Amino acid sequence: MTRYLVPIAAVAMLSGCGLQEQFKDADREVARFHAALDAGNYDAIWAMTGPKFRAATKQAEFQKVLDAVHRKLGKVRSTKQTGWNANAGTSGRTLVVTMATTFERGSGTETFTYAKDADQLTLAGYDIQSQEMMLN
């Protein structure tokens, strides 16, 4: 019985390490997103998006959303990961990271969806829920 469980445990541990690295990569991508948002560099954020995002969203519309976030909430003061999810299927792998973010003039819950293409993460979705943003 042990000879069957050890290989299974080893595969599970290796998968977990890879997953941890992917979420570290996602955290770095979120930091890049926030730096570009703070600088008002929406073209840099657009460059982070992948083909699925670009097929579903027009650049001008997305930049209006980013401008509204930046204008109404201000610069990012702090952010903390509050949840995550990883999916692998026939259409590829995705990572979803949920962040509790405090801005200069409010807070919000941001959800970043990343597609894993080869060795790179591309932004496949962005959502923010913020009462202050809606009211300001």
N, C-alpha and C. Protein backbone atom coordinates (compact mmCIF):
# COMPACT_ATOMS: atom_id res chain seq x y z
N MET A 1 0.82 -1.19 0.00
CA MET A 1 0.00 0.00 0.00
C MET A 1 0.87 1.26 0.00
N THR A 2 1.95 1.24 0.78
CA THR A 2 2.83 2.40 0.89
C THR A 2 3.46 2.72 -0.45
N ARG A 3 3.80 1.71 -1.21
CA ARG A 3 4.45 1.96 -2.49
C ARG A 3 3.53 2.68 -3.47
N TYR A 4 2.22 2.64 -3.25
CA TYR A 4 1.28 3.36 -4.11
C TYR A 4 1.04 4.77 -3.59
N LEU A 5 1.04 4.94 -2.30
CA LEU A 5 0.76 6.25 -1.71
C LEU A 5 1.92 7.22 -1.84
N VAL A 6 3.14 6.76 -1.75
CA VAL A 6 4.31 7.64 -1.83
C VAL A 6 4.37 8.36 -3.18
N PRO A 7 4.23 7.66 -4.31
CA PRO A 7 4.25 8.39 -5.59
C PRO A 7 3.09 9.38 -5.72
N ILE A 8 1.92 9.02 -5.23
CA ILE A 8 0.77 9.92 -5.29
C ILE A 8 1.04 11.16 -4.44
N ALA A 9 1.59 10.98 -3.26
CA ALA A 9 1.92 12.12 -2.39
C ALA A 9 2.98 13.00 -3.03
N ALA A 10 3.96 12.39 -3.68
CA ALA A 10 5.02 13.17 -4.34
C ALA A 10 4.45 14.02 -5.47
N VAL A 11 3.57 13.45 -6.26
CA VAL A 11 2.94 14.21 -7.35
C VAL A 11 2.11 15.36 -6.78
N ALA A 12 1.38 15.11 -5.73
CA ALA A 12 0.56 16.15 -5.10
C ALA A 12 1.44 17.28 -4.57
N MET A 13 2.56 16.94 -3.96
CA MET A 13 3.46 17.97 -3.43
C MET A 13 4.07 18.79 -4.56
N LEU A 14 4.49 18.16 -5.63
CA LEU A 14 5.07 18.87 -6.76
C LEU A 14 4.04 19.78 -7.42
N SER A 15 2.82 19.32 -7.52
CA SER A 15 1.75 20.14 -8.09
C SER A 15 1.51 21.36 -7.22
N GLY A 16 1.52 21.17 -5.92
CA GLY A 16 1.33 22.28 -4.99
C GLY A 16 2.42 23.32 -5.10
N CYS A 17 3.66 22.89 -5.27
CA CYS A 17 4.79 23.82 -5.43
C CYS A 17 4.61 24.63 -6.69
N GLY A 18 4.22 23.99 -7.78
CA GLY A 18 3.99 24.71 -9.03
C GLY A 18 2.86 25.70 -8.90
N LEU A 19 1.84 25.32 -8.18
CA LEU A 19 0.70 26.20 -7.96
C LEU A 19 1.12 27.40 -7.12
N GLN A 20 1.92 27.18 -6.09
CA GLN A 20 2.40 28.28 -5.27
C GLN A 20 3.20 29.26 -6.11
N GLU A 21 4.03 28.76 -6.99
CA GLU A 21 4.83 29.63 -7.86
C GLU A 21 3.93 30.43 -8.79
N GLN A 22 2.88 29.81 -9.30
CA GLN A 22 1.96 30.52 -10.18
C GLN A 22 1.27 31.67 -9.44
N PHE A 23 0.93 31.46 -8.17
CA PHE A 23 0.28 32.53 -7.43
C PHE A 23 1.27 33.62 -7.03
N LYS A 24 2.54 33.27 -6.86
CA LYS A 24 3.56 34.31 -6.68
C LYS A 24 3.67 35.15 -7.95
N ASP A 25 3.62 34.47 -9.10
CA ASP A 25 3.64 35.18 -10.38
C ASP A 25 2.42 36.09 -10.49
N ALA A 26 1.26 35.59 -10.09
CA ALA A 26 0.04 36.40 -10.14
C ALA A 26 0.16 37.61 -9.22
N ASP A 27 0.74 37.44 -8.04
CA ASP A 27 0.94 38.58 -7.14
C ASP A 27 1.85 39.63 -7.79
N ARG A 28 2.87 39.19 -8.50
CA ARG A 28 3.75 40.13 -9.20
C ARG A 28 2.99 40.86 -10.30
N GLU A 29 2.12 40.13 -11.00
CA GLU A 29 1.32 40.76 -12.05
C GLU A 29 0.34 41.78 -11.48
N VAL A 30 -0.25 41.47 -10.34
CA VAL A 30 -1.15 42.43 -9.67
C VAL A 30 -0.36 43.68 -9.29
N ALA A 31 0.85 43.51 -8.79
CA ALA A 31 1.69 44.66 -8.43
C ALA A 31 2.00 45.51 -9.67
N ARG A 32 2.29 44.86 -10.78
CA ARG A 32 2.53 45.60 -12.04
C ARG A 32 1.29 46.35 -12.47
N PHE A 33 0.13 45.70 -12.36
CA PHE A 33 -1.15 46.33 -12.70
C PHE A 33 -1.36 47.57 -11.85
N HIS A 34 -1.17 47.44 -10.53
CA HIS A 34 -1.38 48.57 -9.63
C HIS A 34 -0.40 49.70 -9.90
N ALA A 35 0.85 49.39 -10.20
CA ALA A 35 1.84 50.43 -10.50
C ALA A 35 1.43 51.20 -11.76
N ALA A 36 0.99 50.48 -12.78
CA ALA A 36 0.54 51.14 -14.01
C ALA A 36 -0.74 51.95 -13.76
N LEU A 37 -1.65 51.42 -12.95
CA LEU A 37 -2.87 52.14 -12.62
C LEU A 37 -2.55 53.43 -11.88
N ASP A 38 -1.66 53.36 -10.91
CA ASP A 38 -1.26 54.55 -10.15
C ASP A 38 -0.63 55.61 -11.05
N ALA A 39 0.10 55.17 -12.07
CA ALA A 39 0.76 56.10 -12.99
C ALA A 39 -0.17 56.58 -14.10
N GLY A 40 -1.39 56.02 -14.15
CA GLY A 40 -2.31 56.37 -15.23
C GLY A 40 -1.87 55.81 -16.57
N ASN A 41 -1.05 54.77 -16.55
CA ASN A 41 -0.52 54.17 -17.76
C ASN A 41 -1.42 53.00 -18.19
N TYR A 42 -2.56 53.35 -18.76
CA TYR A 42 -3.54 52.34 -19.13
C TYR A 42 -3.10 51.52 -20.34
N ASP A 43 -2.23 52.09 -21.18
CA ASP A 43 -1.69 51.32 -22.31
C ASP A 43 -0.85 50.15 -21.80
N ALA A 44 -0.10 50.38 -20.71
CA ALA A 44 0.71 49.29 -20.13
C ALA A 44 -0.19 48.18 -19.60
N ILE A 45 -1.32 48.55 -19.02
CA ILE A 45 -2.26 47.53 -18.53
C ILE A 45 -2.86 46.78 -19.71
N TRP A 46 -3.20 47.50 -20.77
CA TRP A 46 -3.74 46.84 -21.97
C TRP A 46 -2.74 45.84 -22.52
N ALA A 47 -1.46 46.18 -22.47
CA ALA A 47 -0.41 45.28 -22.96
C ALA A 47 -0.33 44.00 -22.13
N MET A 48 -0.83 44.03 -20.90
CA MET A 48 -0.82 42.85 -20.02
C MET A 48 -1.96 41.88 -20.36
N THR A 49 -2.94 42.33 -21.16
CA THR A 49 -4.10 41.50 -21.44
C THR A 49 -3.78 40.48 -22.52
N GLY A 50 -4.55 39.42 -22.50
CA GLY A 50 -4.38 38.36 -23.48
C GLY A 50 -5.45 38.40 -24.56
N PRO A 51 -5.38 37.50 -25.50
CA PRO A 51 -6.29 37.51 -26.65
C PRO A 51 -7.76 37.34 -26.27
N LYS A 52 -8.06 36.54 -25.25
CA LYS A 52 -9.47 36.36 -24.86
C LYS A 52 -10.04 37.66 -24.30
N PHE A 53 -9.25 38.36 -23.52
CA PHE A 53 -9.67 39.63 -22.95
C PHE A 53 -9.92 40.63 -24.09
N ARG A 54 -8.99 40.71 -25.01
CA ARG A 54 -9.08 41.68 -26.11
C ARG A 54 -10.24 41.37 -27.05
N ALA A 55 -10.59 40.09 -27.17
CA ALA A 55 -11.72 39.72 -28.01
C ALA A 55 -13.05 40.13 -27.36
N ALA A 56 -13.07 40.17 -26.03
CA ALA A 56 -14.31 40.47 -25.31
C ALA A 56 -14.46 41.94 -24.92
N THR A 57 -13.37 42.70 -24.95
CA THR A 57 -13.38 44.05 -24.43
C THR A 57 -12.66 44.98 -25.39
N LYS A 58 -13.26 46.14 -25.62
CA LYS A 58 -12.60 47.16 -26.44
C LYS A 58 -11.64 47.94 -25.57
N GLN A 59 -10.48 48.27 -26.13
CA GLN A 59 -9.46 48.98 -25.37
C GLN A 59 -9.98 50.30 -24.80
N ALA A 60 -10.70 51.07 -25.59
CA ALA A 60 -11.20 52.37 -25.13
C ALA A 60 -12.16 52.22 -23.95
N GLU A 61 -13.01 51.21 -23.99
CA GLU A 61 -13.95 50.98 -22.89
C GLU A 61 -13.23 50.56 -21.62
N PHE A 62 -12.24 49.69 -21.75
CA PHE A 62 -11.49 49.23 -20.60
C PHE A 62 -10.72 50.40 -19.98
N GLN A 63 -10.16 51.25 -20.82
CA GLN A 63 -9.42 52.39 -20.30
C GLN A 63 -10.33 53.38 -19.57
N LYS A 64 -11.58 53.47 -19.99
CA LYS A 64 -12.55 54.31 -19.26
C LYS A 64 -12.81 53.75 -17.87
N VAL A 65 -12.90 52.43 -17.76
CA VAL A 65 -13.08 51.79 -16.46
C VAL A 65 -11.87 52.07 -15.57
N LEU A 66 -10.68 51.86 -16.12
CA LEU A 66 -9.46 52.10 -15.35
C LEU A 66 -9.36 53.56 -14.92
N ASP A 67 -9.71 54.48 -15.81
CA ASP A 67 -9.67 55.90 -15.48
C ASP A 67 -10.65 56.21 -14.34
N ALA A 68 -11.83 55.60 -14.37
CA ALA A 68 -12.81 55.82 -13.31
C ALA A 68 -12.29 55.31 -11.96
N VAL A 69 -11.66 54.15 -11.97
CA VAL A 69 -11.08 53.60 -10.73
C VAL A 69 -10.03 54.56 -10.21
N HIS A 70 -9.14 54.99 -11.08
CA HIS A 70 -8.03 55.87 -10.67
C HIS A 70 -8.54 57.25 -10.22
N ARG A 71 -9.47 57.81 -10.97
CA ARG A 71 -9.99 59.14 -10.66
C ARG A 71 -10.81 59.15 -9.37
N LYS A 72 -11.63 58.15 -9.18
CA LYS A 72 -12.54 58.14 -8.02
C LYS A 72 -11.89 57.61 -6.75
N LEU A 73 -11.00 56.65 -6.88
CA LEU A 73 -10.41 56.03 -5.68
C LEU A 73 -8.99 56.49 -5.39
N GLY A 74 -8.27 56.94 -6.41
CA GLY A 74 -6.90 57.40 -6.20
C GLY A 74 -5.91 56.24 -6.28
N LYS A 75 -4.75 56.51 -5.74
CA LYS A 75 -3.66 55.53 -5.80
C LYS A 75 -3.86 54.41 -4.78
N VAL A 76 -3.27 53.28 -5.10
CA VAL A 76 -3.32 52.10 -4.22
C VAL A 76 -2.44 52.37 -3.00
N ARG A 77 -3.00 52.15 -1.82
CA ARG A 77 -2.25 52.29 -0.57
C ARG A 77 -1.78 50.93 -0.06
N SER A 78 -2.64 49.93 -0.17
CA SER A 78 -2.27 48.58 0.25
C SER A 78 -3.21 47.59 -0.42
N THR A 79 -2.75 46.36 -0.51
CA THR A 79 -3.58 45.31 -1.09
C THR A 79 -3.19 43.98 -0.44
N LYS A 80 -4.17 43.13 -0.27
CA LYS A 80 -3.94 41.84 0.38
C LYS A 80 -4.78 40.78 -0.32
N GLN A 81 -4.15 39.66 -0.62
CA GLN A 81 -4.86 38.56 -1.24
C GLN A 81 -5.83 37.95 -0.24
N THR A 82 -7.10 37.85 -0.63
CA THR A 82 -8.11 37.27 0.25
C THR A 82 -8.70 35.97 -0.27
N GLY A 83 -8.35 35.62 -1.50
CA GLY A 83 -8.85 34.37 -2.05
C GLY A 83 -8.19 34.07 -3.37
N TRP A 84 -8.30 32.81 -3.79
CA TRP A 84 -7.72 32.40 -5.06
C TRP A 84 -8.42 31.14 -5.54
N ASN A 85 -8.26 30.88 -6.81
CA ASN A 85 -8.79 29.66 -7.40
C ASN A 85 -7.93 29.34 -8.62
N ALA A 86 -7.73 28.09 -8.87
CA ALA A 86 -6.99 27.65 -10.05
C ALA A 86 -7.82 26.62 -10.78
N ASN A 87 -7.86 26.75 -12.10
CA ASN A 87 -8.59 25.81 -12.93
C ASN A 87 -7.71 25.36 -14.08
N ALA A 88 -7.80 24.10 -14.40
CA ALA A 88 -7.11 23.56 -15.57
C ALA A 88 -8.11 22.73 -16.34
N GLY A 89 -8.19 22.99 -17.62
CA GLY A 89 -9.13 22.25 -18.45
C GLY A 89 -8.65 22.21 -19.88
N THR A 90 -9.52 21.77 -20.75
CA THR A 90 -9.15 21.65 -22.16
C THR A 90 -8.91 23.00 -22.81
N SER A 91 -9.48 24.06 -22.26
CA SER A 91 -9.28 25.39 -22.85
C SER A 91 -8.09 26.12 -22.22
N GLY A 92 -7.36 25.46 -21.34
CA GLY A 92 -6.18 26.06 -20.74
C GLY A 92 -6.30 26.18 -19.23
N ARG A 93 -5.33 26.89 -18.64
CA ARG A 93 -5.31 27.07 -17.20
C ARG A 93 -5.60 28.52 -16.85
N THR A 94 -6.37 28.71 -15.78
CA THR A 94 -6.65 30.06 -15.30
C THR A 94 -6.39 30.14 -13.81
N LEU A 95 -5.97 31.32 -13.38
CA LEU A 95 -5.80 31.64 -11.97
C LEU A 95 -6.67 32.83 -11.67
N VAL A 96 -7.42 32.74 -10.60
CA VAL A 96 -8.26 33.86 -10.18
C VAL A 96 -7.77 34.27 -8.80
N VAL A 97 -7.44 35.55 -8.67
CA VAL A 97 -6.92 36.08 -7.42
C VAL A 97 -7.84 37.20 -6.96
N THR A 98 -8.30 37.12 -5.72
CA THR A 98 -9.14 38.16 -5.15
C THR A 98 -8.32 38.96 -4.15
N MET A 99 -8.38 40.29 -4.31
CA MET A 99 -7.58 41.19 -3.48
C MET A 99 -8.49 42.18 -2.76
N ALA A 100 -8.22 42.41 -1.48
CA ALA A 100 -8.84 43.50 -0.74
C ALA A 100 -7.87 44.67 -0.84
N THR A 101 -8.29 45.72 -1.53
CA THR A 101 -7.38 46.82 -1.84
C THR A 101 -7.88 48.11 -1.21
N THR A 102 -6.97 48.82 -0.57
CA THR A 102 -7.26 50.13 -0.01
C THR A 102 -6.60 51.18 -0.91
N PHE A 103 -7.40 52.13 -1.34
CA PHE A 103 -6.94 53.22 -2.17
C PHE A 103 -6.92 54.50 -1.34
N GLU A 104 -6.50 55.60 -1.93
CA GLU A 104 -6.46 56.88 -1.22
C GLU A 104 -7.85 57.31 -0.75
N ARG A 105 -8.87 57.07 -1.57
CA ARG A 105 -10.21 57.57 -1.27
C ARG A 105 -11.26 56.46 -1.18
N GLY A 106 -10.86 55.33 -0.69
CA GLY A 106 -11.82 54.24 -0.53
C GLY A 106 -11.15 52.89 -0.60
N SER A 107 -11.98 51.87 -0.69
CA SER A 107 -11.47 50.50 -0.78
C SER A 107 -12.32 49.72 -1.75
N GLY A 108 -11.85 48.54 -2.08
CA GLY A 108 -12.60 47.71 -3.00
C GLY A 108 -12.08 46.29 -3.00
N THR A 109 -12.88 45.41 -3.56
CA THR A 109 -12.49 44.03 -3.76
C THR A 109 -12.23 43.86 -5.25
N GLU A 110 -10.99 43.56 -5.57
CA GLU A 110 -10.60 43.37 -6.96
C GLU A 110 -10.46 41.88 -7.25
N THR A 111 -10.93 41.50 -8.42
CA THR A 111 -10.77 40.12 -8.88
C THR A 111 -10.00 40.14 -10.19
N PHE A 112 -8.84 39.49 -10.17
CA PHE A 112 -7.99 39.38 -11.35
C PHE A 112 -8.05 37.95 -11.84
N THR A 113 -8.33 37.78 -13.11
CA THR A 113 -8.31 36.46 -13.73
C THR A 113 -7.16 36.44 -14.71
N TYR A 114 -6.29 35.45 -14.55
CA TYR A 114 -5.13 35.32 -15.42
C TYR A 114 -5.20 34.01 -16.18
N ALA A 115 -4.86 34.07 -17.46
CA ALA A 115 -4.72 32.86 -18.27
C ALA A 115 -3.24 32.50 -18.27
N LYS A 116 -2.96 31.23 -18.12
CA LYS A 116 -1.57 30.75 -18.14
C LYS A 116 -1.29 30.24 -19.54
N ASP A 117 -0.48 31.01 -20.28
CA ASP A 117 -0.09 30.64 -21.63
C ASP A 117 1.41 30.37 -21.63
N ALA A 118 1.80 29.15 -21.90
CA ALA A 118 3.21 28.74 -21.84
C ALA A 118 3.75 29.09 -20.47
N ASP A 119 4.74 29.96 -20.40
CA ASP A 119 5.31 30.34 -19.10
C ASP A 119 4.91 31.74 -18.69
N GLN A 120 3.82 32.23 -19.23
CA GLN A 120 3.43 33.62 -19.00
C GLN A 120 1.99 33.71 -18.55
N LEU A 121 1.71 34.67 -17.67
CA LEU A 121 0.34 34.97 -17.27
C LEU A 121 -0.12 36.19 -18.03
N THR A 122 -1.33 36.11 -18.59
CA THR A 122 -1.91 37.29 -19.24
C THR A 122 -3.24 37.58 -18.56
N LEU A 123 -3.55 38.85 -18.46
CA LEU A 123 -4.80 39.27 -17.82
C LEU A 123 -5.97 38.85 -18.69
N ALA A 124 -6.85 38.05 -18.13
CA ALA A 124 -8.01 37.57 -18.86
C ALA A 124 -9.30 38.20 -18.34
N GLY A 125 -9.23 38.85 -17.18
CA GLY A 125 -10.40 39.51 -16.63
C GLY A 125 -10.05 40.37 -15.44
N TYR A 126 -10.78 41.48 -15.28
CA TYR A 126 -10.60 42.36 -14.13
C TYR A 126 -11.97 42.85 -13.69
N ASP A 127 -12.19 42.80 -12.39
CA ASP A 127 -13.44 43.29 -11.81
C ASP A 127 -13.13 43.98 -10.50
N ILE A 128 -13.82 45.08 -10.22
CA ILE A 128 -13.69 45.75 -8.94
C ILE A 128 -15.08 46.02 -8.39
N GLN A 129 -15.24 45.72 -7.12
CA GLN A 129 -16.46 46.03 -6.39
C GLN A 129 -16.09 47.04 -5.32
N SER A 130 -16.64 48.26 -5.41
CA SER A 130 -16.30 49.31 -4.46
C SER A 130 -17.49 50.23 -4.28
N GLN A 131 -17.98 50.30 -3.08
CA GLN A 131 -19.08 51.21 -2.78
C GLN A 131 -18.65 52.66 -2.95
N GLU A 132 -17.44 52.99 -2.49
CA GLU A 132 -16.94 54.35 -2.61
C GLU A 132 -16.82 54.78 -4.07
N MET A 133 -16.41 53.88 -4.92
CA MET A 133 -16.29 54.20 -6.33
C MET A 133 -17.67 54.49 -6.92
N MET A 134 -18.65 53.74 -6.51
CA MET A 134 -20.01 53.94 -7.03
C MET A 134 -20.61 55.26 -6.54
N LEU A 135 -20.28 55.66 -5.32
CA LEU A 135 -20.88 56.85 -4.73
C LEU A 135 -20.14 58.14 -5.03
N ASN A 136 -18.87 58.06 -5.34
CA ASN A 136 -18.07 59.27 -5.62
C ASN A 136 -18.21 59.70 -7.07
